[in-house]
């Protein structure tokens, strides 16, 4: 979906396909047919943006076989789909029964991460629509915090410098400008947008910036306007933003609230949980840990890294951090000029919701994703952007 900003530039809105993960190219093609095109049809659009997640094997097939890449581009066109952004955070196995800490491997100290992201940049340059010259990729924020010492962090920074050089080469070769954004996430070396400023200013390259995920922003209790102002002042590029909402519990001490939170404690994904109290931010790596007696202060609200569908906040006594998303979106694209032109709805947890909230089959999932995109569209038009055909 495309929108005209009041300054005349185009803002792209997509949804991320990691909600229906596939490990190989055949699986990606099936996604387009079975999921993405039905969402487009529900929205009544001739064209729909998708943020592709390409696992290791799918990316390898596309970067080593030009005919396969041309075939994917043809299939996108045939189904009324376009790609301007990729989710390069998960490497493989995102559809496994248990993902948890595995999603942070390989990290940026591992040469595999650099090679994979380089491949994604080359692929994206070949997938961009004819009238688009800029693409973006989100990636993990260096590493999980316990992945190693300062030597590994230094290796990660060196790898990003090398990546910037390779992105320059892609631009010189193809005329397409690809940028990569570190996506701050609770528990990682770069946990907040504030943590991103130092490593990114050290790199000092305009093709390496930050991806602002509004669920992660909210989970860490960051104020959106303060965060965006600090990035702007430091001249850190906001490469893209993932529009998402976290799980919010206003009164975690109450037994009814803890019981409601427990229904979201599931085995597949990590749900880092945070609270803001005396001495700053307190947290656990997962929601189940937080619910253990005494593990986390419970006199102030809790937020959990659980991507809640945008249009479907959980029932009381819980809610979502949609207000944080609204405030962030106002800062990102509500000003005289957009801080980013690439927005991506990323709710990959539909099948991890409590059983009674999960979609029953593909049609219900398509309905839910279309509803999320409709809400995001309405937020953009409320900010003065005009939806384009």
Protein backbone atom coordinates (compact mmCIF):
# COMPACT_ATOMS: atom_id res chain seq x y z
CA UNK A 1 0.00 0.00 0.00
CA UNK A 2 1.32 3.39 -0.93
CA UNK A 3 0.55 6.79 0.56
CA UNK A 4 1.39 10.31 -0.51
CA UNK A 5 2.86 12.37 2.29
CA UNK A 6 1.99 16.10 2.34
CA UNK A 7 5.60 16.81 1.33
CA UNK A 8 5.00 14.88 -1.91
CA UNK A 9 7.05 11.79 -1.06
CA UNK A 10 5.71 8.23 -1.03
CA UNK A 11 5.33 6.22 2.18
CA UNK A 12 5.05 2.45 1.79
CA UNK A 13 3.00 0.21 4.08
CA UNK A 14 3.46 -3.57 4.03
CA UNK A 15 2.85 -6.56 6.25
CA UNK A 16 5.57 -9.02 7.19
CA UNK A 17 5.34 -12.59 5.92
CA UNK A 18 7.09 -14.11 8.94
CA UNK A 19 3.55 -14.71 10.19
CA UNK A 20 3.43 -17.65 7.76
CA UNK A 21 7.05 -18.76 7.69
CA UNK A 22 8.61 -20.87 4.96
CA UNK A 23 12.11 -22.28 4.84
CA UNK A 24 12.57 -22.67 1.08
CA UNK A 25 11.62 -20.98 -2.16
CA UNK A 26 8.68 -23.29 -2.85
CA UNK A 27 7.29 -22.31 0.53
CA UNK A 28 7.70 -18.61 -0.27
CA UNK A 29 5.81 -19.03 -3.54
CA UNK A 30 3.05 -20.86 -1.66
CA UNK A 31 2.84 -17.93 0.79
CA UNK A 32 2.11 -15.55 -2.05
CA UNK A 33 -0.66 -17.77 -3.39
CA UNK A 34 -2.25 -18.96 -0.15
CA UNK A 35 -1.87 -15.92 2.11
CA UNK A 36 -0.66 -12.67 0.57
CA UNK A 37 -2.93 -12.52 -2.47
CA UNK A 38 -6.04 -13.34 -0.38
CA UNK A 39 -5.16 -10.46 1.99
CA UNK A 40 -4.84 -8.12 -0.99
CA UNK A 41 -8.23 -9.20 -2.30
CA UNK A 42 -9.88 -8.62 1.06
CA UNK A 43 -8.55 -5.08 1.04
CA UNK A 44 -9.88 -4.49 -2.48
CA UNK A 45 -6.47 -3.34 -3.65
CA UNK A 46 -4.81 -3.84 -7.02
CA UNK A 47 -1.42 -3.75 -5.30
CA UNK A 48 -0.28 -4.76 -1.81
CA UNK A 49 3.12 -4.35 -0.20
CA UNK A 50 4.61 -7.30 1.64
CA UNK A 51 7.73 -7.43 3.78
CA UNK A 52 9.25 -10.75 2.81
CA UNK A 53 11.03 -12.95 5.31
CA UNK A 54 13.49 -15.14 3.40
CA UNK A 55 15.08 -17.95 5.41
CA UNK A 56 18.63 -19.04 4.70
CA UNK A 57 17.75 -21.73 2.14
CA UNK A 58 15.26 -19.54 0.27
CA UNK A 59 17.75 -16.67 0.10
CA UNK A 60 20.50 -19.01 -1.12
CA UNK A 61 18.28 -20.31 -3.93
CA UNK A 62 17.45 -16.78 -5.08
CA UNK A 63 20.95 -15.30 -4.91
CA UNK A 64 22.60 -18.21 -6.74
CA UNK A 65 20.00 -18.61 -9.50
CA UNK A 66 19.07 -15.48 -11.46
CA UNK A 67 16.18 -17.31 -13.11
CA UNK A 68 14.69 -18.11 -9.70
CA UNK A 69 14.88 -14.44 -8.73
CA UNK A 70 13.22 -13.42 -11.99
CA UNK A 71 10.56 -16.05 -11.38
CA UNK A 72 9.80 -14.67 -7.92
CA UNK A 73 9.56 -11.15 -9.30
CA UNK A 74 7.16 -12.37 -12.00
CA UNK A 75 5.03 -14.18 -9.42
CA UNK A 76 4.85 -11.06 -7.25
CA UNK A 77 3.68 -9.01 -10.23
CA UNK A 78 1.14 -11.65 -11.23
CA UNK A 79 -0.44 -11.66 -7.79
CA UNK A 80 -0.52 -7.87 -7.37
CA UNK A 81 2.22 -7.81 -4.73
CA UNK A 82 5.29 -5.64 -4.32
CA UNK A 83 8.36 -5.75 -2.09
CA UNK A 84 10.36 -2.75 -0.88
CA UNK A 85 11.49 -4.19 2.45
CA UNK A 86 12.72 -7.50 3.87
CA UNK A 87 12.78 -8.84 7.41
CA UNK A 88 16.34 -10.08 7.81
CA UNK A 89 16.18 -10.75 11.58
CA UNK A 90 15.33 -14.50 11.74
CA UNK A 91 17.85 -16.67 9.90
CA UNK A 92 16.01 -19.98 9.79
CA UNK A 93 13.58 -22.10 11.76
CA UNK A 94 11.12 -19.32 12.60
CA UNK A 95 8.23 -21.76 12.22
CA UNK A 96 9.75 -24.30 14.62
CA UNK A 97 7.81 -25.49 17.65
CA UNK A 98 10.32 -23.67 19.85
CA UNK A 99 12.19 -20.60 18.59
CA UNK A 100 13.05 -18.69 21.78
CA UNK A 101 16.79 -17.77 21.89
CA UNK A 102 17.52 -19.44 18.53
CA UNK A 103 16.22 -16.37 16.71
CA UNK A 104 19.38 -14.46 17.72
CA UNK A 105 21.71 -16.88 15.90
CA UNK A 106 23.86 -16.36 13.96
CA UNK A 107 24.64 -12.93 15.37
CA UNK A 108 26.71 -10.17 13.80
CA UNK A 109 29.98 -11.60 15.12
CA UNK A 110 29.38 -14.66 12.92
CA UNK A 111 30.35 -14.35 9.22
CA UNK A 112 27.14 -16.18 8.27
CA UNK A 113 25.09 -13.16 9.32
CA UNK A 114 27.08 -10.82 7.09
CA UNK A 115 26.89 -13.19 4.12
CA UNK A 116 23.14 -13.75 4.58
CA UNK A 117 22.37 -10.03 4.83
CA UNK A 118 24.53 -9.31 1.78
CA UNK A 119 22.52 -11.93 -0.11
CA UNK A 120 19.28 -10.31 1.02
CA UNK A 121 20.47 -6.92 -0.24
CA UNK A 122 21.27 -8.35 -3.66
CA UNK A 123 17.89 -10.09 -3.78
CA UNK A 124 15.97 -7.00 -2.75
CA UNK A 125 17.69 -4.94 -5.43
CA UNK A 126 16.23 -7.39 -7.94
CA UNK A 127 12.74 -7.39 -6.43
CA UNK A 128 12.11 -3.65 -6.10
CA UNK A 129 9.32 -2.33 -8.33
CA UNK A 130 10.49 -0.51 -11.44
CA UNK A 131 9.51 2.89 -10.02
CA UNK A 132 11.24 2.36 -6.64
CA UNK A 133 14.97 2.83 -6.14
CA UNK A 134 15.28 2.40 -2.36
CA UNK A 135 14.86 -0.78 -0.35
CA UNK A 136 15.30 -1.60 3.33
CA UNK A 137 16.18 -4.61 5.48
CA UNK A 138 15.74 -4.99 9.25
CA UNK A 139 18.22 -7.10 11.19
CA UNK A 140 18.99 -8.23 14.71
CA UNK A 141 20.62 -5.68 17.04
CA UNK A 142 24.16 -7.11 17.03
CA UNK A 143 23.56 -10.07 19.37
CA UNK A 144 21.78 -11.37 22.43
CA UNK A 145 23.37 -9.74 25.48
CA UNK A 146 25.03 -12.95 26.74
CA UNK A 147 26.45 -13.94 23.34
CA UNK A 148 29.99 -12.86 24.19
CA UNK A 149 32.25 -10.12 25.43
CA UNK A 150 33.52 -6.90 23.94
CA UNK A 151 35.59 -8.79 21.37
CA UNK A 152 32.43 -10.22 19.77
CA UNK A 153 30.76 -6.82 19.85
CA UNK A 154 33.82 -5.39 18.07
CA UNK A 155 33.58 -8.15 15.44
CA UNK A 156 29.92 -7.31 14.96
CA UNK A 157 30.68 -3.64 14.39
CA UNK A 158 33.43 -4.53 11.91
CA UNK A 159 30.97 -6.76 10.04
CA UNK A 160 28.52 -3.87 9.75
CA UNK A 161 31.25 -1.65 8.29
CA UNK A 162 31.91 -4.37 5.71
CA UNK A 163 28.19 -4.59 5.05
CA UNK A 164 28.05 -0.86 4.36
CA UNK A 165 30.80 -1.26 1.78
CA UNK A 166 28.90 -4.11 0.15
CA UNK A 167 25.70 -2.05 0.08
CA UNK A 168 27.63 0.70 -1.70
CA UNK A 169 28.73 -1.91 -4.25
CA UNK A 170 25.13 -3.08 -4.77
CA UNK A 171 24.11 0.51 -5.45
CA UNK A 172 26.96 1.03 -7.89
CA UNK A 173 26.11 -2.19 -9.72
CA UNK A 174 22.30 -1.95 -9.80
CA UNK A 175 21.39 1.68 -9.20
CA UNK A 176 19.25 0.51 -6.25
CA UNK A 177 20.00 1.86 -2.77
CA UNK A 178 19.56 -0.74 -0.01
CA UNK A 179 19.74 0.26 3.66
CA UNK A 180 19.87 -1.99 6.72
CA UNK A 181 18.44 -1.15 10.14
CA UNK A 182 19.37 -2.66 13.49
CA UNK A 183 16.13 -3.48 15.32
CA UNK A 184 16.56 -2.74 19.06
CA UNK A 185 14.97 -5.50 21.16
CA UNK A 186 14.77 -6.13 24.90
CA UNK A 187 17.54 -8.44 26.09
CA UNK A 188 19.89 -7.73 23.19
CA UNK A 189 23.20 -5.87 23.08
CA UNK A 190 21.24 -3.03 21.50
CA UNK A 191 18.14 -3.14 23.67
CA UNK A 192 16.75 0.35 23.11
CA UNK A 193 16.97 3.09 20.52
CA UNK A 194 19.31 4.92 22.91
CA UNK A 195 21.63 1.90 22.85
CA UNK A 196 21.71 2.07 19.05
CA UNK A 197 23.11 5.57 18.83
CA UNK A 198 26.70 4.86 19.88
CA UNK A 199 27.44 1.87 17.60
CA UNK A 200 25.67 3.44 14.63
CA UNK A 201 27.41 6.80 14.94
CA UNK A 202 30.72 4.92 15.16
CA UNK A 203 29.92 3.21 11.87
CA UNK A 204 28.83 6.56 10.46
CA UNK A 205 27.34 5.31 7.21
CA UNK A 206 23.96 6.43 5.92
CA UNK A 207 23.08 2.93 4.69
CA UNK A 208 23.26 1.49 8.23
CA UNK A 209 20.63 2.78 10.64
CA UNK A 210 17.84 1.66 12.92
CA UNK A 211 14.52 -0.11 12.51
CA UNK A 212 12.06 1.20 15.10
CA UNK A 213 9.78 -1.62 16.23
CA UNK A 214 6.96 -0.03 18.23
CA UNK A 215 6.32 -3.21 20.26
CA UNK A 216 9.95 -3.29 21.38
CA UNK A 217 9.88 0.47 22.02
CA UNK A 218 6.84 0.07 24.26
CA UNK A 219 8.15 -3.02 26.06
CA UNK A 220 11.21 -1.02 27.12
CA UNK A 221 8.97 1.88 28.22
CA UNK A 222 10.67 4.27 25.81
CA UNK A 223 8.83 7.48 25.07
CA UNK A 224 8.37 7.54 21.28
CA UNK A 225 8.97 11.25 20.78
CA UNK A 226 12.05 11.29 23.02
CA UNK A 227 13.45 8.27 21.18
CA UNK A 228 12.82 9.68 17.72
CA UNK A 229 14.19 13.10 18.66
CA UNK A 230 17.40 11.52 19.98
CA UNK A 231 17.89 9.48 16.79
CA UNK A 232 17.28 12.56 14.66
CA UNK A 233 19.67 14.69 16.69
CA UNK A 234 22.36 12.02 16.42
CA UNK A 235 21.72 11.77 12.65
CA UNK A 236 21.04 8.06 12.88
CA UNK A 237 18.93 7.05 9.86
CA UNK A 238 15.55 5.53 10.68
CA UNK A 239 15.62 2.93 7.94
CA UNK A 240 12.15 1.51 8.57
CA UNK A 241 9.57 1.03 11.28
CA UNK A 242 7.68 -2.09 12.26
CA UNK A 243 4.20 -1.23 13.46
CA UNK A 244 3.37 -3.54 16.34
CA UNK A 245 1.84 -3.52 19.81
CA UNK A 246 3.00 -5.16 23.03
CA UNK A 247 0.96 -6.78 25.81
CA UNK A 248 0.22 -4.37 28.69
CA UNK A 249 -0.87 -5.24 32.24
CA UNK A 250 -1.74 -2.21 34.34
CA UNK A 251 -2.05 -4.04 37.69
CA UNK A 252 0.19 -7.15 37.59
CA UNK A 253 -0.20 -7.76 41.33
CA UNK A 254 -3.86 -8.81 40.94
CA UNK A 255 -4.48 -12.56 40.64
CA UNK A 256 -6.92 -12.02 37.76
CA UNK A 257 -4.26 -10.10 35.82
CA UNK A 258 -1.60 -12.74 36.43
CA UNK A 259 -4.00 -15.46 35.29
CA UNK A 260 -4.71 -13.49 32.12
CA UNK A 261 -0.98 -13.01 31.48
CA UNK A 262 -0.36 -16.72 32.03
CA UNK A 263 -2.61 -17.50 29.05
CA UNK A 264 -0.07 -15.70 26.83
CA UNK A 265 2.90 -17.66 28.19
CA UNK A 266 3.53 -20.06 25.31
CA UNK A 267 6.47 -22.25 24.26
CA UNK A 268 7.42 -20.95 20.81
CA UNK A 269 8.64 -17.37 21.16
CA UNK A 270 10.50 -15.41 23.80
CA UNK A 271 8.32 -12.81 25.54
CA UNK A 272 10.68 -10.51 27.40
CA UNK A 273 8.80 -8.73 30.19
CA UNK A 274 9.63 -5.32 31.65
CA UNK A 275 8.44 -2.94 34.34
CA UNK A 276 9.56 0.58 35.17
CA UNK A 277 10.16 1.09 38.87
CA UNK A 278 12.62 2.24 41.47
CA UNK A 279 16.11 2.15 40.00
CA UNK A 280 14.89 2.10 36.42
CA UNK A 281 13.87 -0.77 34.18
CA UNK A 282 13.48 -4.28 35.58
CA UNK A 283 12.94 -7.32 33.43
CA UNK A 284 12.96 -11.03 32.77
CA UNK A 285 13.79 -12.91 29.60
CA UNK A 286 10.36 -14.51 29.34
CA UNK A 287 6.80 -14.03 30.56
CA UNK A 288 6.79 -17.29 32.51
CA UNK A 289 9.79 -16.10 34.51
CA UNK A 290 8.04 -12.83 35.32
CA UNK A 291 5.06 -14.72 36.70
CA UNK A 292 7.28 -16.59 39.17
CA UNK A 293 6.72 -15.13 42.62
CA UNK A 294 9.12 -12.28 43.37
CA UNK A 295 10.88 -12.39 39.99
CA UNK A 296 9.70 -8.93 38.96
CA UNK A 297 8.34 -5.96 40.96
CA UNK A 298 4.57 -5.88 40.55
CA UNK A 299 3.56 -2.48 41.88
CA UNK A 300 3.81 -0.81 38.46
CA UNK A 301 2.55 -1.86 35.00
CA UNK A 302 4.19 -4.71 33.11
CA UNK A 303 4.73 -4.95 29.39
CA UNK A 304 5.58 -8.14 27.54
CA UNK A 305 7.17 -8.60 24.13
CA UNK A 306 4.15 -10.31 22.64
CA UNK A 307 3.09 -8.85 19.31
CA UNK A 308 -0.64 -8.35 19.82
CA UNK A 309 -2.79 -7.93 16.67
CA UNK A 310 -3.21 -4.20 16.15
CA UNK A 311 -6.97 -4.17 15.88
CA UNK A 312 -7.60 -6.80 18.57
CA UNK A 313 -6.41 -5.75 22.02
CA UNK A 314 -6.81 -8.55 24.56
CA UNK A 315 -9.83 -8.56 26.84
CA UNK A 316 -9.70 -6.84 30.22
CA UNK A 317 -7.84 -6.90 32.53
CA UNK A 318 -5.13 -6.72 29.83
CA UNK A 319 -4.69 -4.33 26.94
CA UNK A 320 -2.10 -3.48 24.28
CA UNK A 321 0.33 -0.63 23.72
CA UNK A 322 -1.49 0.67 20.65
CA UNK A 323 -1.28 4.25 22.09
CA UNK A 324 2.52 3.99 21.89
CA UNK A 325 2.25 2.95 18.25
CA UNK A 326 -0.02 5.92 17.54
CA UNK A 327 2.43 8.33 19.15
CA UNK A 328 5.39 6.79 17.33
CA UNK A 329 3.61 6.94 13.99
CA UNK A 330 2.81 10.60 14.56
CA UNK A 331 6.51 11.27 15.08
CA UNK A 332 7.61 9.09 12.19
CA UNK A 333 5.35 10.41 9.43
CA UNK A 334 3.17 13.12 10.99
CA UNK A 335 5.69 15.93 10.63
CA UNK A 336 6.60 18.12 7.65
CA UNK A 337 8.78 15.30 6.27
CA UNK A 338 8.71 11.56 7.05
CA UNK A 339 11.53 10.21 9.20
CA UNK A 340 11.13 6.95 7.28
CA UNK A 341 9.29 5.91 4.13
CA UNK A 342 8.94 2.21 4.94
CA UNK A 343 6.36 0.94 7.43
CA UNK A 344 5.68 -2.74 8.09
CA UNK A 345 2.96 -4.33 10.21
CA UNK A 346 4.69 -7.22 11.98
CA UNK A 347 2.38 -9.46 13.97
CA UNK A 348 3.91 -12.92 13.74
CA UNK A 349 2.20 -14.27 16.85
CA UNK A 350 -1.29 -15.00 15.48
CA UNK A 351 -0.82 -18.75 15.94
CA UNK A 352 0.80 -18.24 19.37
CA UNK A 353 -2.19 -16.41 20.83
CA UNK A 354 -4.27 -18.15 23.50
CA UNK A 355 -6.23 -20.91 21.73
CA UNK A 356 -9.57 -19.09 21.85
CA UNK A 357 -8.06 -16.07 20.07
CA UNK A 358 -6.22 -17.89 17.28
CA UNK A 359 -7.57 -17.78 13.72
CA UNK A 360 -9.18 -21.01 12.59
CA UNK A 361 -7.73 -21.57 9.17
CA UNK A 362 -6.34 -19.39 6.42
CA UNK A 363 -9.48 -17.32 5.76
CA UNK A 364 -9.66 -16.07 9.36
CA UNK A 365 -5.94 -15.30 9.35
CA UNK A 366 -6.32 -13.31 6.12
CA UNK A 367 -9.25 -11.45 7.66
CA UNK A 368 -7.15 -10.57 10.70
CA UNK A 369 -4.16 -9.35 8.70
CA UNK A 370 -6.43 -7.28 6.45
CA UNK A 371 -7.99 -5.72 9.55
CA UNK A 372 -4.55 -4.81 10.90
CA UNK A 373 -3.61 -3.14 7.62
CA UNK A 374 -6.93 -1.29 7.56
CA UNK A 375 -6.26 0.12 11.02
CA UNK A 376 -2.74 1.15 9.99
CA UNK A 377 -4.14 2.77 6.85
CA UNK A 378 -6.64 4.75 8.91
CA UNK A 379 -3.91 5.95 11.26
CA UNK A 380 -1.90 7.19 8.27
CA UNK A 381 -4.79 9.00 6.63
CA UNK A 382 -5.66 10.61 9.99
CA UNK A 383 -2.14 12.07 9.92
CA UNK A 384 -2.82 13.68 6.54
CA UNK A 385 -1.34 11.05 4.21
CA UNK A 386 -3.34 10.19 1.10
CA UNK A 387 -3.78 6.59 0.06
CA UNK A 388 -2.65 5.97 -3.52
CA UNK A 389 -4.20 3.47 -5.96
